[in-house]
PDB file of all heavy atoms in Angstrom:
ATOM      1  N   ARG A   1     -10.598  -0.134   7.410  1.00  0.00           N
ATOM      2  CA  ARG A   1     -10.144  -1.276   6.626  1.00  0.00           C
ATOM      3  C   ARG A   1      -8.689  -1.697   6.974  1.00  0.00           C
ATOM      4  O   ARG A   1      -8.250  -2.790   6.708  1.00  0.00           O
ATOM      5  CB  ARG A   1     -10.244  -1.112   5.134  1.00  0.00           C
ATOM      6  CG  ARG A   1     -11.664  -0.753   4.637  1.00  0.00           C
ATOM      7  CD  ARG A   1     -11.629  -0.346   3.193  1.00  0.00           C
ATOM      8  NE  ARG A   1     -10.728   0.773   2.959  1.00  0.00           N
ATOM      9  CZ  ARG A   1     -10.176   1.050   1.734  1.00  0.00           C
ATOM     10  NH1 ARG A   1     -10.432   0.296   0.685  1.00  0.00           N
ATOM     11  NH2 ARG A   1      -9.339   2.094   1.616  1.00  0.00           N
ATOM     12  N   GLY A   2      -7.835  -0.750   7.473  1.00  0.00           N
ATOM     13  CA  GLY A   2      -6.487  -0.981   7.786  1.00  0.00           C
ATOM     14  C   GLY A   2      -5.703   0.266   7.514  1.00  0.00           C
ATOM     15  O   GLY A   2      -6.128   1.380   7.932  1.00  0.00           O
ATOM     16  N   SER A   3      -4.582   0.144   6.857  1.00  0.00           N
ATOM     17  CA  SER A   3      -3.734   1.298   6.545  1.00  0.00           C
ATOM     18  C   SER A   3      -2.995   1.111   5.181  1.00  0.00           C
ATOM     19  O   SER A   3      -2.829   0.006   4.730  1.00  0.00           O
ATOM     20  CB  SER A   3      -2.738   1.508   7.637  1.00  0.00           C
ATOM     21  OG  SER A   3      -1.780   0.501   7.759  1.00  0.00           O
ATOM     22  N   PHE A   4      -2.562   2.260   4.700  1.00  0.00           N
ATOM     23  CA  PHE A   4      -1.743   2.244   3.453  1.00  0.00           C
ATOM     24  C   PHE A   4      -0.659   3.335   3.677  1.00  0.00           C
ATOM     25  O   PHE A   4      -0.906   4.462   3.922  1.00  0.00           O
ATOM     26  CB  PHE A   4      -2.564   2.618   2.151  1.00  0.00           C
ATOM     27  CG  PHE A   4      -1.807   2.561   0.954  1.00  0.00           C
ATOM     28  CD1 PHE A   4      -1.577   1.426   0.205  1.00  0.00           C
ATOM     29  CD2 PHE A   4      -1.243   3.768   0.427  1.00  0.00           C
ATOM     30  CE1 PHE A   4      -0.842   1.391  -0.955  1.00  0.00           C
ATOM     31  CE2 PHE A   4      -0.559   3.784  -0.783  1.00  0.00           C
ATOM     32  CZ  PHE A   4      -0.317   2.581  -1.440  1.00  0.00           C
ATOM     33  N   THR A   5       0.646   2.901   3.513  1.00  0.00           N
ATOM     34  CA  THR A   5       1.764   3.734   3.828  1.00  0.00           C
ATOM     35  C   THR A   5       2.789   3.681   2.667  1.00  0.00           C
ATOM     36  O   THR A   5       3.272   2.691   2.334  1.00  0.00           O
ATOM     37  CB  THR A   5       2.471   3.361   5.122  1.00  0.00           C
ATOM     38  OG1 THR A   5       1.527   3.299   6.187  1.00  0.00           O
ATOM     39  CG2 THR A   5       3.565   4.261   5.470  1.00  0.00           C
ATOM     40  N   GLU A   6       2.969   4.853   2.121  1.00  0.00           N
ATOM     41  CA  GLU A   6       4.037   4.974   1.095  1.00  0.00           C
ATOM     42  C   GLU A   6       5.420   4.985   1.706  1.00  0.00           C
ATOM     43  O   GLU A   6       5.674   5.747   2.624  1.00  0.00           O
ATOM     44  CB  GLU A   6       3.857   6.214   0.232  1.00  0.00           C
ATOM     45  CG  GLU A   6       4.681   6.280  -0.931  1.00  0.00           C
ATOM     46  CD  GLU A   6       4.429   7.521  -1.889  1.00  0.00           C
ATOM     47  OE1 GLU A   6       3.388   8.079  -1.720  1.00  0.00           O
ATOM     48  OE2 GLU A   6       5.353   7.874  -2.630  1.00  0.00           O
ATOM     49  N   LEU A   7       6.335   4.091   1.263  1.00  0.00           N
ATOM     50  CA  LEU A   7       7.699   3.985   1.819  1.00  0.00           C
ATOM     51  C   LEU A   7       8.661   4.884   1.095  1.00  0.00           C
ATOM     52  O   LEU A   7       9.376   5.569   1.711  1.00  0.00           O
ATOM     53  CB  LEU A   7       8.169   2.546   1.783  1.00  0.00           C
ATOM     54  CG  LEU A   7       7.404   1.503   2.586  1.00  0.00           C
ATOM     55  CD1 LEU A   7       8.123   0.160   2.537  1.00  0.00           C
ATOM     56  CD2 LEU A   7       7.336   1.932   4.072  1.00  0.00           C
ATOM     57  N   LEU A   8       8.735   4.707  -0.146  1.00  0.00           N
ATOM     58  CA  LEU A   8       9.718   5.562  -0.981  1.00  0.00           C
ATOM     59  C   LEU A   8       9.287   5.649  -2.390  1.00  0.00           C
ATOM     60  O   LEU A   8       8.502   4.858  -2.957  1.00  0.00           O
ATOM     61  CB  LEU A   8      11.119   4.977  -0.828  1.00  0.00           C
ATOM     62  CG  LEU A   8      11.357   3.515  -1.196  1.00  0.00           C
ATOM     63  CD1 LEU A   8      11.641   3.391  -2.650  1.00  0.00           C
ATOM     64  CD2 LEU A   8      12.557   3.005  -0.399  1.00  0.00           C
ATOM     65  N   ARG A   9       9.834   6.682  -2.991  1.00  0.00           N
ATOM     66  CA  ARG A   9       9.706   6.868  -4.452  1.00  0.00           C
ATOM     67  C   ARG A   9      10.991   6.907  -5.154  1.00  0.00           C
ATOM     68  O   ARG A   9      11.952   7.405  -4.593  1.00  0.00           O
ATOM     69  CB  ARG A   9       8.903   8.186  -4.756  1.00  0.00           C
ATOM     70  CG  ARG A   9       7.504   8.227  -4.249  1.00  0.00           C
ATOM     71  CD  ARG A   9       6.839   9.496  -4.626  1.00  0.00           C
ATOM     72  NE  ARG A   9       5.385   9.514  -4.321  1.00  0.00           N
ATOM     73  CZ  ARG A   9       4.476  10.188  -4.959  1.00  0.00           C
ATOM     74  NH1 ARG A   9       4.839  10.962  -5.995  1.00  0.00           N
ATOM     75  NH2 ARG A   9       3.187  10.121  -4.611  1.00  0.00           N
ATOM     76  N   LEU A  10      11.108   6.244  -6.271  1.00  0.00           N
ATOM     77  CA  LEU A  10      12.321   6.175  -7.043  1.00  0.00           C
ATOM     78  C   LEU A  10      12.202   7.023  -8.258  1.00  0.00           C
ATOM     79  O   LEU A  10      11.140   6.948  -8.963  1.00  0.00           O
ATOM     80  CB  LEU A  10      12.631   4.787  -7.386  1.00  0.00           C
ATOM     81  CG  LEU A  10      12.687   3.766  -6.203  1.00  0.00           C
ATOM     82  CD1 LEU A  10      12.780   2.336  -6.705  1.00  0.00           C
ATOM     83  CD2 LEU A  10      13.849   4.095  -5.321  1.00  0.00           C
ATOM     84  N   GLU A  11      13.231   7.857  -8.580  1.00  0.00           N
ATOM     85  CA  GLU A  11      13.045   8.787  -9.710  1.00  0.00           C
ATOM     86  C   GLU A  11      12.648   8.181 -11.017  1.00  0.00           C
ATOM     87  O   GLU A  11      11.862   8.692 -11.777  1.00  0.00           O
ATOM     88  CB  GLU A  11      14.405   9.535  -9.894  1.00  0.00           C
ATOM     89  CG  GLU A  11      14.571  10.692  -8.881  1.00  0.00           C
ATOM     90  CD  GLU A  11      15.738  11.624  -9.262  1.00  0.00           C
ATOM     91  OE1 GLU A  11      16.527  11.269 -10.112  1.00  0.00           O
ATOM     92  OE2 GLU A  11      15.833  12.656  -8.673  1.00  0.00           O
ATOM     93  N   LYS A  12      13.162   6.904 -11.259  1.00  0.00           N
ATOM     94  CA  LYS A  12      12.799   6.317 -12.495  1.00  0.00           C
ATOM     95  C   LYS A  12      12.225   4.901 -12.342  1.00  0.00           C
ATOM     96  O   LYS A  12      12.030   4.155 -13.334  1.00  0.00           O
ATOM     97  CB  LYS A  12      14.052   6.227 -13.448  1.00  0.00           C
ATOM     98  CG  LYS A  12      14.580   7.594 -13.843  1.00  0.00           C
ATOM     99  CD  LYS A  12      15.761   7.427 -14.828  1.00  0.00           C
ATOM    100  CE  LYS A  12      16.223   8.790 -15.327  1.00  0.00           C
ATOM    101  NZ  LYS A  12      17.329   8.646 -16.313  1.00  0.00           N
ATOM    102  N   CYS A  13      11.893   4.526 -11.142  1.00  0.00           N
ATOM    103  CA  CYS A  13      11.446   3.106 -10.898  1.00  0.00           C
ATOM    104  C   CYS A  13      10.261   3.068  -9.979  1.00  0.00           C
ATOM    105  O   CYS A  13      10.080   2.144  -9.191  1.00  0.00           O
ATOM    106  CB  CYS A  13      12.634   2.311 -10.325  1.00  0.00           C
ATOM    107  SG  CYS A  13      14.041   2.213 -11.365  1.00  0.00           S
ATOM    108  N   GLY A  14       9.379   4.012 -10.047  1.00  0.00           N
ATOM    109  CA  GLY A  14       8.093   3.885  -9.380  1.00  0.00           C
ATOM    110  C   GLY A  14       8.150   4.122  -7.857  1.00  0.00           C
ATOM    111  O   GLY A  14       8.911   4.958  -7.414  1.00  0.00           O
ATOM    112  N   GLN A  15       7.245   3.506  -7.160  1.00  0.00           N
ATOM    113  CA  GLN A  15       7.151   3.670  -5.672  1.00  0.00           C
ATOM    114  C   GLN A  15       6.840   2.350  -5.016  1.00  0.00           C
ATOM    115  O   GLN A  15       6.354   1.404  -5.594  1.00  0.00           O
ATOM    116  CB  GLN A  15       6.101   4.686  -5.397  1.00  0.00           C
ATOM    117  CG  GLN A  15       4.639   4.233  -5.634  1.00  0.00           C
ATOM    118  CD  GLN A  15       3.608   5.288  -5.226  1.00  0.00           C
ATOM    119  OE1 GLN A  15       3.769   6.471  -5.632  1.00  0.00           O
ATOM    120  NE2 GLN A  15       2.575   4.885  -4.502  1.00  0.00           N
ATOM    121  N   VAL A  16       7.223   2.330  -3.708  1.00  0.00           N
ATOM    122  CA  VAL A  16       7.009   1.151  -2.875  1.00  0.00           C
ATOM    123  C   VAL A  16       6.103   1.576  -1.634  1.00  0.00           C
ATOM    124  O   VAL A  16       6.368   2.613  -1.053  1.00  0.00           O
ATOM    125  CB  VAL A  16       8.347   0.616  -2.340  1.00  0.00           C
ATOM    126  CG1 VAL A  16       8.067  -0.616  -1.471  1.00  0.00           C
ATOM    127  CG2 VAL A  16       9.245   0.192  -3.512  1.00  0.00           C
ATOM    128  N   SER A  17       5.151   0.734  -1.364  1.00  0.00           N
ATOM    129  CA  SER A  17       4.189   0.997  -0.296  1.00  0.00           C
ATOM    130  C   SER A  17       3.901  -0.233   0.536  1.00  0.00           C
ATOM    131  O   SER A  17       4.186  -1.386   0.040  1.00  0.00           O
ATOM    132  CB  SER A  17       2.848   1.603  -0.832  1.00  0.00           C
ATOM    133  OG  SER A  17       3.092   2.675  -1.666  1.00  0.00           O
ATOM    134  N   ILE A  18       3.368  -0.023   1.739  1.00  0.00           N
ATOM    135  CA  ILE A  18       2.977  -1.157   2.527  1.00  0.00           C
ATOM    136  C   ILE A  18       1.457  -1.037   2.815  1.00  0.00           C
ATOM    137  O   ILE A  18       0.996   0.017   3.237  1.00  0.00           O
ATOM    138  CB  ILE A  18       3.677  -1.135   3.988  1.00  0.00           C
ATOM    139  CG1 ILE A  18       5.211  -1.421   3.780  1.00  0.00           C
ATOM    140  CG2 ILE A  18       3.073  -2.129   4.909  1.00  0.00           C
ATOM    141  CD1 ILE A  18       5.499  -2.853   3.353  1.00  0.00           C
ATOM    142  N   ASN A  19       0.806  -2.120   2.535  1.00  0.00           N
ATOM    143  CA  ASN A  19      -0.698  -2.154   2.767  1.00  0.00           C
ATOM    144  C   ASN A  19      -0.975  -3.101   3.842  1.00  0.00           C
ATOM    145  O   ASN A  19      -0.581  -4.238   3.820  1.00  0.00           O
ATOM    146  CB  ASN A  19      -1.404  -2.528   1.466  1.00  0.00           C
ATOM    147  CG  ASN A  19      -2.916  -2.512   1.610  1.00  0.00           C
ATOM    148  OD1 ASN A  19      -3.523  -1.519   1.675  1.00  0.00           O
ATOM    149  ND2 ASN A  19      -3.479  -3.698   1.694  1.00  0.00           N
ATOM    150  N   ILE A  20      -1.795  -2.718   4.837  1.00  0.00           N
ATOM    151  CA  ILE A  20      -2.237  -3.549   5.912  1.00  0.00           C
ATOM    152  C   ILE A  20      -3.770  -3.638   5.849  1.00  0.00           C
ATOM    153  O   ILE A  20      -4.425  -2.628   5.934  1.00  0.00           O
ATOM    154  CB  ILE A  20      -1.804  -3.093   7.291  1.00  0.00           C
ATOM    155  CG1 ILE A  20      -0.243  -3.038   7.325  1.00  0.00           C
ATOM    156  CG2 ILE A  20      -2.299  -3.980   8.418  1.00  0.00           C
ATOM    157  CD1 ILE A  20       0.308  -2.447   8.607  1.00  0.00           C
ATOM    158  N   SER A  21      -4.278  -4.850   5.704  1.00  0.00           N
ATOM    159  CA  SER A  21      -5.729  -5.064   5.616  1.00  0.00           C
ATOM    160  C   SER A  21      -6.239  -5.839   6.876  1.00  0.00           C
ATOM    161  O   SER A  21      -5.612  -6.791   7.297  1.00  0.00           O
ATOM    162  CB  SER A  21      -6.130  -5.911   4.393  1.00  0.00           C
ATOM    163  OG  SER A  21      -5.762  -5.187   3.246  1.00  0.00           O
ATOM    164  N   LYS A  22      -7.306  -5.339   7.466  1.00  0.00           N
ATOM    165  CA  LYS A  22      -7.911  -6.000   8.623  1.00  0.00           C
ATOM    166  C   LYS A  22      -8.583  -7.317   8.195  1.00  0.00           C
ATOM    167  O   LYS A  22      -8.809  -7.484   7.023  1.00  0.00           O
ATOM    168  CB  LYS A  22      -8.940  -5.036   9.251  1.00  0.00           C
ATOM    169  CG  LYS A  22      -8.340  -3.752   9.874  1.00  0.00           C
ATOM    170  CD  LYS A  22      -7.453  -4.026  11.012  1.00  0.00           C
ATOM    171  CE  LYS A  22      -6.931  -2.787  11.660  1.00  0.00           C
ATOM    172  NZ  LYS A  22      -6.057  -3.042  12.772  1.00  0.00           N
ATOM    173  N   PRO A  23      -8.826  -8.218   9.146  1.00  0.00           N
ATOM    174  CA  PRO A  23      -9.432  -9.490   8.829  1.00  0.00           C
ATOM    175  C   PRO A  23     -10.737  -9.333   8.043  1.00  0.00           C
ATOM    176  O   PRO A  23     -11.584  -8.476   8.346  1.00  0.00           O
ATOM    177  CB  PRO A  23      -9.709 -10.135  10.174  1.00  0.00           C
ATOM    178  CG  PRO A  23      -8.661  -9.547  11.072  1.00  0.00           C
ATOM    179  CD  PRO A  23      -8.485  -8.138  10.616  1.00  0.00           C
ATOM    180  N   GLY A  24     -10.883 -10.079   6.913  1.00  0.00           N
ATOM    181  CA  GLY A  24     -12.079 -10.128   6.160  1.00  0.00           C
ATOM    182  C   GLY A  24     -12.239  -8.975   5.150  1.00  0.00           C
ATOM    183  O   GLY A  24     -13.228  -8.916   4.393  1.00  0.00           O
ATOM    184  N   ILE A  25     -11.263  -8.079   5.094  1.00  0.00           N
ATOM    185  CA  ILE A  25     -11.394  -6.877   4.297  1.00  0.00           C
ATOM    186  C   ILE A  25     -10.948  -7.099   2.831  1.00  0.00           C
ATOM    187  O   ILE A  25      -9.957  -7.788   2.585  1.00  0.00           O
ATOM    188  CB  ILE A  25     -10.546  -5.693   4.886  1.00  0.00           C
ATOM    189  CG1 ILE A  25     -11.184  -5.243   6.204  1.00  0.00           C
ATOM    190  CG2 ILE A  25     -10.420  -4.513   3.938  1.00  0.00           C
ATOM    191  CD1 ILE A  25     -12.574  -4.657   6.043  1.00  0.00           C
ATOM    192  N   THR A  26     -11.652  -6.481   1.905  1.00  0.00           N
ATOM    193  CA  THR A  26     -11.275  -6.505   0.509  1.00  0.00           C
ATOM    194  C   THR A  26     -10.822  -5.154   0.126  1.00  0.00           C
ATOM    195  O   THR A  26     -11.522  -4.144   0.405  1.00  0.00           O
ATOM    196  CB  THR A  26     -12.436  -6.963  -0.402  1.00  0.00           C
ATOM    197  OG1 THR A  26     -12.873  -8.243  -0.076  1.00  0.00           O
ATOM    198  CG2 THR A  26     -12.042  -6.892  -1.862  1.00  0.00           C
ATOM    199  N   LYS A  27      -9.633  -4.999  -0.522  1.00  0.00           N
ATOM    200  CA  LYS A  27      -9.144  -3.724  -1.045  1.00  0.00           C
ATOM    201  C   LYS A  27      -8.897  -3.809  -2.525  1.00  0.00           C
ATOM    202  O   LYS A  27      -8.677  -4.887  -3.046  1.00  0.00           O
ATOM    203  CB  LYS A  27      -7.883  -3.299  -0.266  1.00  0.00           C
ATOM    204  CG  LYS A  27      -8.033  -2.857   1.138  1.00  0.00           C
ATOM    205  CD  LYS A  27      -6.823  -2.187   1.662  1.00  0.00           C
ATOM    206  CE  LYS A  27      -6.992  -1.628   3.078  1.00  0.00           C
ATOM    207  NZ  LYS A  27      -5.725  -0.986   3.552  1.00  0.00           N
ATOM    208  N   GLY A  28      -8.840  -2.662  -3.161  1.00  0.00           N
ATOM    209  CA  GLY A  28      -8.540  -2.640  -4.537  1.00  0.00           C
ATOM    210  C   GLY A  28      -9.785  -2.352  -5.354  1.00  0.00           C
ATOM    211  O   GLY A  28     -10.355  -1.307  -5.214  1.00  0.00           O
ATOM    212  N   GLU A  29     -10.235  -3.349  -6.156  1.00  0.00           N
ATOM    213  CA  GLU A  29     -11.405  -3.208  -7.008  1.00  0.00           C
ATOM    214  C   GLU A  29     -11.229  -2.053  -8.001  1.00  0.00           C
ATOM    215  O   GLU A  29     -12.088  -1.254  -8.162  1.00  0.00           O
ATOM    216  CB  GLU A  29     -12.636  -3.049  -6.178  1.00  0.00           C
ATOM    217  CG  GLU A  29     -12.903  -4.094  -5.107  1.00  0.00           C
ATOM    218  CD  GLU A  29     -13.376  -5.392  -5.685  1.00  0.00           C
ATOM    219  OE1 GLU A  29     -12.917  -5.829  -6.724  1.00  0.00           O
ATOM    220  OE2 GLU A  29     -14.195  -6.087  -4.970  1.00  0.00           O
TER     221      GLU A  29
END
């Protein structure tokens, strides 16, 4: 479907990630 990459985590403010979806792909649900 593509890729999912975690970039960083913050001690008190969650996390940031990059999601790449291929053409026509649905993610989540």
